[in-house]
């Protein structure tokens, strides 16, 4: 899974054969702009505890290897932390 947002109007090239050959699933989700402020407030207030959801922190140098490799057993979320 790769999470990211590109600016409106930016195009991303995809090769459908590559998706088929490598059995890649391309999924997306809708971002609700009306919930992000509430979620940030809940995180700040301590209502939402995110620490249990983070399995490990990886450096920017480790990011490519982490994304390319299968997740270790039991991993929930790896967070890339630029240094």
N, C-alpha and C. Protein backbone atom coordinates (compact mmCIF):
# COMPACT_ATOMS: atom_id res chain seq x y z
N UNK A 1 0.85 -1.16 0.00
CA UNK A 1 0.00 0.00 0.00
C UNK A 1 0.90 1.23 0.00
N UNK A 2 0.55 2.16 -0.83
CA UNK A 2 1.23 3.44 -0.86
C UNK A 2 0.16 4.51 -0.72
N UNK A 3 0.34 5.38 0.23
CA UNK A 3 -0.63 6.44 0.47
C UNK A 3 0.00 7.75 0.05
N UNK A 4 -0.71 8.49 -0.75
CA UNK A 4 -0.18 9.77 -1.17
C UNK A 4 -1.22 10.55 -1.95
N UNK A 5 -1.04 11.81 -2.01
CA UNK A 5 -1.95 12.68 -2.73
C UNK A 5 -1.13 13.51 -3.70
N UNK A 6 -1.57 13.59 -4.92
CA UNK A 6 -0.90 14.43 -5.90
C UNK A 6 -1.79 15.65 -6.17
N UNK A 7 -1.19 16.74 -6.61
CA UNK A 7 -1.99 17.94 -6.89
C UNK A 7 -3.03 17.70 -7.97
N UNK A 8 -4.13 18.42 -7.88
CA UNK A 8 -5.19 18.33 -8.89
C UNK A 8 -4.59 18.65 -10.26
N UNK A 9 -4.94 17.85 -11.23
CA UNK A 9 -4.45 18.03 -12.59
C UNK A 9 -3.19 17.25 -12.90
N UNK A 10 -2.52 16.73 -11.89
CA UNK A 10 -1.30 15.94 -12.11
C UNK A 10 -1.70 14.56 -12.61
N UNK A 11 -1.00 14.08 -13.61
CA UNK A 11 -1.29 12.77 -14.20
C UNK A 11 -0.23 11.77 -13.75
N UNK A 12 -0.64 10.52 -13.61
CA UNK A 12 0.27 9.43 -13.26
C UNK A 12 0.17 8.39 -14.36
N UNK A 13 1.31 8.00 -14.93
CA UNK A 13 1.32 7.00 -16.00
C UNK A 13 1.20 5.61 -15.41
N UNK A 14 0.32 4.82 -15.98
CA UNK A 14 0.15 3.43 -15.60
C UNK A 14 0.21 2.56 -16.84
N UNK A 15 0.82 1.42 -16.72
CA UNK A 15 0.82 0.48 -17.82
C UNK A 15 -0.08 -0.69 -17.41
N UNK A 16 -1.29 -0.78 -18.00
CA UNK A 16 -2.23 -1.83 -17.61
C UNK A 16 -1.64 -3.24 -17.67
N UNK A 17 -0.78 -3.52 -18.66
CA UNK A 17 -0.18 -4.85 -18.74
C UNK A 17 0.64 -5.15 -17.50
N UNK A 18 1.38 -4.14 -17.00
CA UNK A 18 2.18 -4.33 -15.80
C UNK A 18 1.30 -4.65 -14.60
N UNK A 19 0.17 -3.98 -14.49
CA UNK A 19 -0.77 -4.27 -13.40
C UNK A 19 -1.24 -5.72 -13.49
N UNK A 20 -1.56 -6.17 -14.69
CA UNK A 20 -2.03 -7.53 -14.90
C UNK A 20 -0.92 -8.54 -14.66
N UNK A 21 0.24 -8.32 -15.27
CA UNK A 21 1.34 -9.28 -15.20
C UNK A 21 1.85 -9.45 -13.77
N UNK A 22 1.93 -8.34 -13.02
CA UNK A 22 2.45 -8.39 -11.65
C UNK A 22 1.33 -8.58 -10.63
N UNK A 23 0.09 -8.75 -11.11
CA UNK A 23 -1.08 -8.96 -10.25
C UNK A 23 -1.22 -7.87 -9.19
N UNK A 24 -1.10 -6.62 -9.65
CA UNK A 24 -1.21 -5.47 -8.76
C UNK A 24 -2.66 -5.00 -8.73
N UNK A 25 -3.17 -4.78 -7.53
CA UNK A 25 -4.50 -4.22 -7.37
C UNK A 25 -4.36 -2.73 -7.10
N UNK A 26 -5.07 -1.93 -7.84
CA UNK A 26 -5.04 -0.49 -7.66
C UNK A 26 -6.35 -0.08 -6.99
N UNK A 27 -6.25 0.36 -5.76
CA UNK A 27 -7.42 0.74 -4.99
C UNK A 27 -7.31 2.21 -4.60
N UNK A 28 -8.43 2.82 -4.39
CA UNK A 28 -8.43 4.20 -3.93
C UNK A 28 -9.52 4.36 -2.88
N UNK A 29 -9.48 5.47 -2.19
CA UNK A 29 -10.54 5.76 -1.23
C UNK A 29 -10.82 7.26 -1.27
N UNK A 30 -11.96 7.62 -0.78
CA UNK A 30 -12.39 9.01 -0.75
C UNK A 30 -11.91 9.66 0.55
N UNK A 31 -11.38 10.84 0.45
CA UNK A 31 -10.98 11.59 1.64
C UNK A 31 -12.10 12.57 1.97
N UNK A 32 -12.66 12.42 3.15
CA UNK A 32 -13.73 13.31 3.58
C UNK A 32 -13.10 14.53 4.26
N UNK A 33 -13.17 15.69 3.63
CA UNK A 33 -12.51 16.87 4.20
C UNK A 33 -13.17 17.37 5.48
N UNK A 34 -14.36 16.88 5.81
CA UNK A 34 -15.07 17.36 6.99
C UNK A 34 -14.72 16.57 8.25
N UNK A 35 -13.94 15.49 8.11
CA UNK A 35 -13.61 14.68 9.29
C UNK A 35 -12.17 14.86 9.74
N UNK A 36 -11.31 15.41 8.90
CA UNK A 36 -9.90 15.50 9.26
C UNK A 36 -9.66 16.42 10.45
N UNK A 37 -10.36 17.53 10.52
CA UNK A 37 -10.20 18.45 11.65
C UNK A 37 -10.62 17.80 12.95
N UNK A 38 -11.73 17.08 12.92
CA UNK A 38 -12.19 16.38 14.13
C UNK A 38 -11.21 15.29 14.54
N UNK A 39 -10.71 14.55 13.55
CA UNK A 39 -9.75 13.49 13.85
C UNK A 39 -8.48 14.07 14.47
N UNK A 40 -7.98 15.16 13.91
CA UNK A 40 -6.77 15.81 14.45
C UNK A 40 -7.01 16.27 15.88
N UNK A 41 -8.19 16.82 16.15
CA UNK A 41 -8.52 17.26 17.52
C UNK A 41 -8.58 16.07 18.47
N UNK A 42 -9.13 14.96 18.02
CA UNK A 42 -9.22 13.76 18.87
C UNK A 42 -7.83 13.19 19.15
N UNK A 43 -6.93 13.25 18.17
CA UNK A 43 -5.57 12.78 18.38
C UNK A 43 -4.86 13.69 19.39
N UNK A 44 -5.01 15.00 19.21
CA UNK A 44 -4.39 15.97 20.11
C UNK A 44 -4.91 15.80 21.54
N UNK A 45 -6.21 15.54 21.68
CA UNK A 45 -6.82 15.40 23.00
C UNK A 45 -6.51 14.05 23.65
N UNK A 46 -5.96 13.13 22.88
CA UNK A 46 -5.67 11.81 23.43
C UNK A 46 -6.83 10.85 23.36
N UNK A 47 -7.92 11.25 22.71
CA UNK A 47 -9.09 10.38 22.56
C UNK A 47 -8.76 9.19 21.66
N UNK A 48 -8.00 9.45 20.62
CA UNK A 48 -7.55 8.38 19.72
C UNK A 48 -6.10 8.06 20.05
N UNK A 49 -5.82 6.81 20.32
CA UNK A 49 -4.45 6.39 20.60
C UNK A 49 -3.89 5.73 19.35
N UNK A 50 -2.94 6.38 18.72
CA UNK A 50 -2.37 5.87 17.48
C UNK A 50 -1.16 4.98 17.70
N UNK A 51 -0.48 5.12 18.81
CA UNK A 51 0.74 4.36 19.06
C UNK A 51 0.55 2.84 18.87
N UNK A 52 -0.56 2.25 19.34
CA UNK A 52 -0.73 0.81 19.14
C UNK A 52 -0.86 0.39 17.67
N UNK A 53 -1.15 1.34 16.79
CA UNK A 53 -1.30 1.03 15.37
C UNK A 53 0.00 1.10 14.60
N UNK A 54 1.05 1.67 15.20
CA UNK A 54 2.33 1.83 14.52
C UNK A 54 3.25 0.70 14.93
N UNK A 55 3.58 -0.16 13.98
CA UNK A 55 4.45 -1.30 14.25
C UNK A 55 5.92 -0.92 14.28
N UNK A 56 6.31 -0.02 13.37
CA UNK A 56 7.72 0.39 13.32
C UNK A 56 7.86 1.68 12.55
N UNK A 57 8.96 2.36 12.82
CA UNK A 57 9.34 3.58 12.11
C UNK A 57 10.50 3.23 11.21
N UNK A 58 10.47 3.73 9.98
CA UNK A 58 11.56 3.49 9.05
C UNK A 58 12.08 4.82 8.53
N UNK A 59 13.37 4.85 8.26
CA UNK A 59 13.98 6.08 7.74
C UNK A 59 13.62 6.23 6.26
N UNK A 60 13.87 7.41 5.74
CA UNK A 60 13.62 7.66 4.32
C UNK A 60 14.47 6.73 3.46
N UNK A 61 15.69 6.46 3.92
CA UNK A 61 16.57 5.55 3.18
C UNK A 61 16.01 4.13 3.12
N UNK A 62 15.26 3.72 4.15
CA UNK A 62 14.68 2.38 4.20
C UNK A 62 13.32 2.28 3.50
N UNK A 63 12.76 3.41 3.11
CA UNK A 63 11.39 3.43 2.60
C UNK A 63 11.19 2.56 1.37
N UNK A 64 12.06 2.67 0.39
CA UNK A 64 11.89 1.90 -0.84
C UNK A 64 11.94 0.41 -0.55
N UNK A 65 12.91 -0.01 0.24
CA UNK A 65 13.02 -1.44 0.60
C UNK A 65 11.79 -1.90 1.38
N UNK A 66 11.29 -1.05 2.27
CA UNK A 66 10.12 -1.39 3.07
C UNK A 66 8.89 -1.55 2.20
N UNK A 67 8.71 -0.64 1.24
CA UNK A 67 7.54 -0.70 0.36
C UNK A 67 7.62 -1.90 -0.57
N UNK A 68 8.80 -2.22 -1.05
CA UNK A 68 8.96 -3.34 -1.99
C UNK A 68 8.87 -4.71 -1.32
N UNK A 69 9.15 -4.78 -0.05
CA UNK A 69 9.20 -6.06 0.65
C UNK A 69 7.85 -6.39 1.29
N UNK A 70 7.55 -7.67 1.40
CA UNK A 70 6.33 -8.05 2.13
C UNK A 70 6.44 -7.60 3.59
N UNK A 71 5.32 -7.24 4.16
CA UNK A 71 5.32 -6.82 5.57
C UNK A 71 5.63 -8.02 6.46
N UNK A 72 6.40 -7.80 7.51
CA UNK A 72 6.65 -8.88 8.46
C UNK A 72 5.34 -9.33 9.11
N UNK A 73 5.30 -10.57 9.55
CA UNK A 73 4.10 -11.10 10.21
C UNK A 73 3.72 -10.22 11.38
N UNK A 74 2.46 -9.87 11.46
CA UNK A 74 1.95 -9.08 12.58
C UNK A 74 2.10 -7.58 12.42
N UNK A 75 2.75 -7.13 11.36
CA UNK A 75 2.93 -5.69 11.20
C UNK A 75 1.60 -5.04 10.84
N UNK A 76 1.31 -3.94 11.51
CA UNK A 76 0.08 -3.20 11.23
C UNK A 76 0.38 -2.02 10.33
N UNK A 77 1.34 -1.17 10.74
CA UNK A 77 1.64 0.03 9.97
C UNK A 77 3.10 0.42 10.18
N UNK A 78 3.79 0.64 9.08
CA UNK A 78 5.15 1.18 9.13
C UNK A 78 5.07 2.65 8.73
N UNK A 79 5.68 3.51 9.48
CA UNK A 79 5.65 4.94 9.20
C UNK A 79 7.03 5.39 8.76
N UNK A 80 7.08 6.11 7.63
CA UNK A 80 8.36 6.66 7.14
C UNK A 80 8.59 8.00 7.83
N UNK A 81 9.73 8.10 8.49
CA UNK A 81 10.08 9.33 9.20
C UNK A 81 11.35 9.91 8.57
N UNK A 82 11.20 10.99 7.80
CA UNK A 82 12.40 11.61 7.21
C UNK A 82 13.27 12.19 8.33
N UNK A 83 14.55 12.02 8.17
CA UNK A 83 15.47 12.51 9.22
C UNK A 83 16.16 13.77 8.80
